[in-house]
Protein backbone atom coordinates (compact mmCIF):
# COMPACT_ATOMS: atom_id res chain seq x y z
CA MET A 1 -0.59 -26.87 11.17
CA GLU A 2 0.43 -27.26 7.52
CA LEU A 3 0.21 -24.36 5.11
CA GLY A 4 0.83 -24.02 1.41
CA LEU A 5 2.18 -20.59 0.50
CA VAL A 6 2.15 -19.30 -3.09
CA GLY A 7 4.42 -16.33 -3.77
CA LEU A 8 7.75 -16.01 -1.98
CA GLY A 9 8.80 -12.47 -2.79
CA LYS A 10 9.80 -9.81 -0.25
CA MET A 11 6.62 -10.25 1.78
CA GLY A 12 5.87 -13.91 1.14
CA GLY A 13 9.40 -15.12 1.79
CA ASN A 14 9.57 -13.40 5.17
CA MET A 15 6.08 -14.59 6.07
CA ARG A 16 7.14 -18.18 5.38
CA GLU A 17 10.05 -17.75 7.78
CA ARG A 18 7.94 -16.16 10.54
CA ILE A 19 5.29 -18.89 10.28
CA ARG A 20 7.98 -21.56 10.52
CA ARG A 21 9.42 -19.83 13.58
CA GLY A 22 5.94 -20.18 15.06
CA GLY A 23 6.26 -23.97 14.83
CA HIS A 24 4.18 -24.62 11.72
CA THR A 25 5.02 -26.42 8.48
CA VAL A 26 5.08 -24.23 5.39
CA ILE A 27 5.48 -25.57 1.86
CA GLY A 28 6.17 -22.69 -0.51
CA TYR A 29 5.82 -22.36 -4.26
CA ASP A 30 7.18 -19.55 -6.41
CA ARG A 31 7.95 -19.23 -10.09
CA ASN A 32 11.55 -18.66 -9.02
CA PRO A 33 12.87 -22.17 -8.36
CA ASP A 34 15.71 -20.82 -6.22
CA VAL A 35 13.28 -19.95 -3.41
CA ALA A 36 10.55 -22.55 -3.96
CA ASP A 37 10.10 -25.74 -1.94
CA VAL A 38 8.18 -27.45 -4.75
CA GLY A 39 8.12 -27.15 -8.52
CA SER A 40 4.43 -26.48 -9.21
CA LEU A 41 1.07 -25.67 -7.68
CA LYS A 42 0.05 -29.27 -8.31
CA GLU A 43 3.03 -30.53 -6.35
CA LEU A 44 2.24 -28.04 -3.58
CA VAL A 45 -1.33 -29.31 -3.22
CA GLU A 46 -0.20 -32.93 -3.31
CA SER A 47 2.31 -32.24 -0.53
CA LEU A 48 -0.38 -31.05 1.91
CA SER A 49 -2.62 -33.19 4.08
CA ALA A 50 -6.39 -32.68 3.77
CA PRO A 51 -8.13 -30.46 4.64
CA ARG A 52 -5.63 -28.15 2.97
CA VAL A 53 -5.04 -24.45 3.51
CA VAL A 54 -3.27 -22.55 0.71
CA TRP A 55 -2.28 -18.91 1.19
CA VAL A 56 -1.88 -16.88 -2.02
CA MET A 57 0.61 -14.00 -1.86
CA VAL A 58 0.93 -12.79 -5.45
CA PRO A 59 0.17 -9.44 -7.15
CA ALA A 60 -3.46 -8.40 -7.33
CA GLY A 61 -5.39 -8.78 -10.55
CA SER A 62 -4.61 -11.34 -13.24
CA ALA A 63 -1.87 -13.09 -11.26
CA THR A 64 -4.20 -13.69 -8.32
CA GLN A 65 -7.07 -14.69 -10.59
CA SER A 66 -5.03 -17.26 -12.52
CA THR A 67 -3.62 -18.72 -9.29
CA ILE A 68 -7.07 -19.09 -7.73
CA ASP A 69 -8.42 -20.57 -10.97
CA GLU A 70 -5.71 -23.22 -10.94
CA LEU A 71 -6.15 -23.95 -7.24
CA GLY A 72 -9.88 -24.35 -7.81
CA GLU A 73 -9.10 -27.24 -10.13
CA LEU A 74 -6.56 -28.83 -7.78
CA LEU A 75 -8.17 -28.50 -4.34
CA SER A 76 -10.93 -30.65 -2.84
CA PRO A 77 -14.14 -29.86 -0.97
CA GLY A 78 -13.30 -28.76 2.57
CA ASP A 79 -10.03 -27.10 1.55
CA LEU A 80 -9.44 -23.36 2.01
CA VAL A 81 -7.78 -20.56 0.04
CA VAL A 82 -6.50 -17.38 1.73
CA ASP A 83 -5.76 -14.34 -0.45
CA GLY A 84 -3.18 -12.27 1.41
CA GLY A 85 -2.26 -9.97 -1.47
CA ASN A 86 -3.62 -6.50 -2.11
CA SER A 87 -6.70 -7.58 -4.03
CA ARG A 88 -9.72 -5.33 -4.39
CA TRP A 89 -12.55 -6.34 -2.06
CA THR A 90 -14.95 -6.81 -4.98
CA ASP A 91 -12.60 -9.45 -6.39
CA ASP A 92 -12.80 -11.30 -3.05
CA GLU A 93 -16.55 -11.72 -3.43
CA LYS A 94 -16.05 -13.11 -6.93
CA HIS A 95 -13.30 -15.51 -5.85
CA ALA A 96 -15.33 -16.74 -2.88
CA ASP A 97 -18.29 -17.55 -5.13
CA GLU A 98 -16.08 -19.35 -7.66
CA LEU A 99 -14.47 -21.51 -4.99
CA LYS A 100 -17.71 -22.11 -3.11
CA ALA A 101 -19.08 -23.80 -6.23
CA LYS A 102 -16.28 -26.34 -5.82
CA GLY A 103 -16.77 -26.75 -2.06
CA VAL A 104 -13.61 -24.76 -1.26
CA GLY A 105 -13.65 -22.01 1.37
CA PHE A 106 -12.17 -18.54 1.00
CA VAL A 107 -10.73 -15.94 3.38
CA ASP A 108 -9.34 -12.56 2.35
CA CYS A 109 -6.56 -11.07 4.46
CA GLY A 110 -5.07 -7.61 4.27
CA VAL A 111 -1.45 -7.73 5.43
CA SER A 112 0.58 -4.75 6.64
CA GLY A 113 4.15 -4.82 7.86
CA GLY A 114 6.38 -4.61 4.82
CA VAL A 115 10.05 -5.46 5.17
CA TRP A 116 9.83 -5.12 8.98
CA GLY A 117 7.20 -7.81 9.39
CA LEU A 118 9.56 -10.73 9.87
CA GLU A 119 10.84 -9.35 13.17
CA ASN A 120 7.96 -7.09 14.27
CA GLY A 121 5.02 -9.14 13.05
CA TYR A 122 2.33 -8.36 10.50
CA ALA A 123 -0.90 -6.48 11.13
CA LEU A 124 -3.70 -8.67 9.76
CA MET A 125 -7.25 -7.79 8.73
CA TYR A 126 -9.27 -10.78 7.52
CA GLY A 127 -12.75 -11.47 6.24
CA GLY A 128 -14.76 -14.65 5.91
CA SER A 129 -16.95 -17.02 7.86
CA ALA A 130 -16.01 -17.90 11.44
CA GLU A 131 -15.60 -21.53 10.38
CA ASP A 132 -13.13 -20.70 7.60
CA VAL A 133 -11.19 -18.22 9.73
CA ALA A 134 -10.78 -20.86 12.45
CA LYS A 135 -9.01 -23.16 9.97
CA VAL A 136 -6.21 -20.65 9.48
CA GLN A 137 -6.21 -18.98 12.93
CA PRO A 138 -2.94 -20.65 14.06
CA VAL A 139 -1.16 -19.01 11.11
CA PHE A 140 -2.74 -15.63 11.87
CA ASP A 141 -1.49 -15.98 15.45
CA ALA A 142 2.03 -16.80 14.25
CA LEU A 143 2.15 -13.83 11.87
CA LYS A 144 0.66 -11.11 14.08
CA PRO A 145 2.77 -8.89 16.35
CA GLU A 146 3.28 -9.84 19.96
CA GLY A 147 0.63 -8.54 22.32
CA GLU A 148 -3.10 -8.07 22.38
CA PHE A 149 -3.54 -6.15 19.15
CA GLY A 150 -2.43 -6.49 15.53
CA SER A 151 -5.11 -8.73 14.02
CA VAL A 152 -8.86 -8.56 13.51
CA HIS A 153 -11.65 -10.61 12.01
CA ALA A 154 -13.12 -7.61 10.22
CA GLY A 155 -16.30 -9.24 8.93
CA LYS A 156 -17.59 -11.06 5.88
CA VAL A 157 -15.62 -11.95 2.76
CA GLY A 158 -14.10 -8.73 1.39
CA ALA A 159 -13.96 -7.01 4.78
CA GLY A 160 -10.27 -7.75 5.28
CA HIS A 161 -9.14 -6.16 2.04
CA PHE A 162 -11.63 -3.30 2.45
CA ALA A 163 -10.13 -2.55 5.89
CA LYS A 164 -6.59 -2.74 4.48
CA MET A 165 -7.59 -0.43 1.63
CA VAL A 166 -8.86 2.19 4.09
CA HIS A 167 -5.68 1.71 6.15
CA ASN A 168 -3.61 2.51 3.07
CA GLY A 169 -5.77 5.53 2.26
CA ILE A 170 -5.13 6.91 5.75
CA GLU A 171 -1.44 6.16 5.24
CA TYR A 172 -1.46 8.28 2.04
CA ALA A 173 -2.86 11.27 3.93
CA MET A 174 -0.49 10.90 6.87
CA MET A 175 2.56 10.70 4.61
CA GLN A 176 1.36 13.72 2.64
CA SER A 177 1.02 15.74 5.86
CA PHE A 178 4.55 14.88 6.97
CA ALA A 179 5.83 15.73 3.48
CA GLU A 180 4.10 19.11 3.39
CA GLY A 181 5.31 20.01 6.87
CA TRP A 182 8.86 19.02 5.97
CA GLU A 183 8.82 21.16 2.81
CA LEU A 184 7.50 24.18 4.71
CA LEU A 185 10.18 23.82 7.39
CA GLU A 186 12.86 23.53 4.71
CA ALA A 187 11.56 26.76 3.14
CA ALA A 188 11.80 28.77 6.39
CA ASP A 189 15.05 30.72 6.70
CA SER A 190 14.70 30.82 10.48
CA VAL A 191 14.70 27.02 10.85
CA THR A 192 18.28 25.85 10.62
CA ASP A 193 17.93 22.11 11.39
CA VAL A 194 14.77 20.57 10.00
CA ARG A 195 15.94 17.02 10.65
CA GLU A 196 16.32 17.69 14.37
CA VAL A 197 12.89 19.31 14.49
CA PHE A 198 11.43 16.09 13.10
CA ARG A 199 13.49 14.09 15.59
CA SER A 200 12.23 16.19 18.50
CA TRP A 201 8.67 15.23 17.61
CA GLN A 202 9.37 11.55 18.23
CA GLU A 203 8.72 11.93 21.96
CA GLY A 204 5.87 13.68 23.75
CA THR A 205 3.94 14.96 20.72
CA VAL A 206 0.54 13.91 19.39
CA ILE A 207 2.01 13.18 15.94
CA ARG A 208 4.65 10.73 17.14
CA SER A 209 4.30 7.55 15.10
CA TRP A 210 6.17 4.86 13.21
CA LEU A 211 5.86 6.95 10.04
CA LEU A 212 7.57 9.83 11.85
CA ASP A 213 10.31 7.44 13.00
CA LEU A 214 10.80 6.31 9.39
CA ALA A 215 10.93 9.94 8.22
CA VAL A 216 13.74 10.64 10.68
CA LYS A 217 15.51 7.50 9.51
CA ALA A 218 15.28 8.72 5.91
CA LEU A 219 16.59 12.17 6.85
CA ASP A 220 19.48 10.59 8.75
CA SER A 221 20.48 8.88 5.51
CA ASP A 222 19.98 11.95 3.29
CA GLU A 223 19.35 15.10 5.32
CA HIS A 224 17.73 17.15 2.56
CA LEU A 225 16.62 14.18 0.41
CA ASP A 226 18.84 15.50 -2.38
CA ALA A 227 19.38 12.01 -3.79
CA LEU A 228 15.70 11.44 -4.45
CA ARG A 229 13.49 12.52 -7.32
CA GLY A 230 10.14 14.01 -6.31
CA TYR A 231 8.08 11.17 -7.80
CA ALA A 232 5.65 8.93 -5.91
CA ALA A 233 3.83 5.94 -7.35
CA ASP A 234 0.51 4.62 -6.05
CA SER A 235 -0.34 0.96 -5.53
CA GLY A 236 -3.98 1.35 -6.53
CA GLU A 237 -5.48 1.13 -3.09
CA GLY A 238 -5.60 4.91 -2.71
CA ARG A 239 -7.67 5.07 -5.90
CA TRP A 240 -9.97 2.30 -4.67
CA THR A 241 -10.45 4.14 -1.38
CA VAL A 242 -11.56 7.29 -3.16
CA GLU A 243 -13.81 5.31 -5.52
CA ALA A 244 -15.44 3.54 -2.57
CA ALA A 245 -15.99 6.90 -0.88
CA ILE A 246 -17.74 8.21 -3.98
CA ASP A 247 -19.91 5.09 -4.18
CA LYS A 248 -20.93 5.47 -0.53
CA ALA A 249 -21.13 9.30 -0.55
CA VAL A 250 -18.53 9.57 2.23
CA PRO A 251 -16.38 12.75 2.05
CA LEU A 252 -12.63 12.03 2.08
CA PRO A 253 -11.00 15.39 1.30
CA ALA A 254 -7.61 14.69 2.91
CA ILE A 255 -7.14 11.20 1.43
CA THR A 256 -8.34 12.35 -1.99
CA ALA A 257 -5.98 15.33 -1.97
CA SER A 258 -3.04 13.11 -1.02
CA LEU A 259 -3.78 10.81 -3.97
CA PHE A 260 -3.93 13.73 -6.38
CA ALA A 261 -0.66 15.05 -4.96
CA ARG A 262 0.98 11.83 -6.09
CA PHE A 263 -0.37 12.35 -9.58
CA SER A 264 1.09 15.87 -9.56
CA SER A 265 4.50 14.44 -8.66
CA ARG A 266 4.67 12.74 -12.05
CA GLN A 267 4.41 15.96 -14.03
CA GLU A 268 7.71 17.68 -14.69
CA ASP A 269 5.92 20.54 -16.44
CA SER A 270 2.35 20.64 -15.15
CA PRO A 271 -0.25 21.42 -17.85
CA GLN A 272 -2.58 22.73 -15.13
CA MET A 273 0.03 25.20 -13.92
CA LYS A 274 0.44 26.44 -17.51
CA MET A 275 -3.26 27.29 -17.62
CA ILE A 276 -3.13 28.93 -14.18
CA ALA A 277 -0.13 31.02 -15.24
CA ALA A 278 -1.92 32.04 -18.47
CA LEU A 279 -5.10 33.02 -16.62
CA ARG A 280 -3.19 35.04 -14.01
CA ASN A 281 -1.46 36.88 -16.83
CA GLN A 282 -4.75 37.55 -18.60
CA PHE A 283 -6.73 38.90 -15.68
CA GLY A 284 -4.01 40.57 -13.69
CA GLY A 285 -1.02 41.01 -15.92
CA HIS A 286 1.02 38.72 -13.72
CA ALA A 287 4.40 37.67 -15.15
CA VAL A 288 4.83 34.28 -16.80
CA THR A 289 7.90 32.29 -17.75
CA ALA A 290 8.41 31.11 -21.31
CA ALA A 291 8.77 27.35 -21.69
CA ASP A 292 12.29 27.57 -23.14
CA LYS A 293 13.37 29.80 -20.23
CA ALA A 294 12.18 27.48 -17.47
CA GLY A 295 14.93 26.78 -15.00
CA GLU A 296 16.95 29.80 -16.16
CA GLN A 297 14.86 32.64 -14.76
CA GLY A 298 12.02 32.99 -12.33
CA ALA A 299 8.64 34.48 -13.04
CA ASP A 300 9.75 37.78 -11.53
CA SER A 301 13.11 37.87 -13.27
CA PRO A 302 14.01 40.56 -15.82
CA GLY A 303 12.93 39.47 -19.27
CA ALA A 304 10.39 36.98 -17.96
CA ASP A 305 7.43 39.34 -18.11
CA VAL A 306 4.81 39.21 -20.80
CA THR A 307 3.22 42.58 -21.58
CA PRO A 308 -0.05 42.69 -19.64
CA PRO A 309 -3.24 43.10 -21.60
CA THR A 310 -5.35 46.22 -21.29
CA GLY A 311 -8.31 46.17 -18.93
CA GLY A 312 -9.28 43.36 -16.55
């Protein structure tokens, strides 16, 4: 089949190549003319035979909205738009309604696979009507990993991105667990080779996984991760997962804690820890460290103590 693909970055560019390897025609547009096959969205649409399928692979939010707005003016009744970015599921419902008014179908598709997807395939979670999904099924089949699993028609419009959002929330918690375990092992004097402990878990254990394999790969490159700063960004999907859990009264303690741990990573001098230190000093006379001494002496070092108050 023919496919128009908008957005040829790290994910989109590799997806174009994998779809072409599957025997399909892909016409790609990107604002970077060095990677684009055509010079505009208008030219992209004009290059496709009706009924057209255009896959949007641009950042969530305003970039996706403006692209879908423009496609809504260019496409014809019977055409189809697929949003394969990381859009929020509530945006999918809005986009579907906007396009439906013009006779254009809509499918949302959560895509997982990252930089490894070109060779290994992409896990796909998509939402929409059976009729619309059927129009793009050959592309789904080309993108998915080999074998029985790796793609799912998750439900109605929004279901694909909702499923991908939950996937990413689980990913947050799994990564946080590996990170906490690694730090604890590094802190134990009796454990002399943390990297090899992680490597030993790759076979025969219940926590063996691709994330564990990637952790070992990272430790092989930098055994104690000395070259990295302890800072972790979040893409937004972890926040959306927690917000959805609140809306639906579903407890997500592990995923929520992993999201907040990322927020903590951005604080070089945590205001919360200042308050905790002050309270511990007030009720128990525990030592605190002055701000201008931080990094020079520990809380139990000579000179670091603050005279404890009487009582309490």
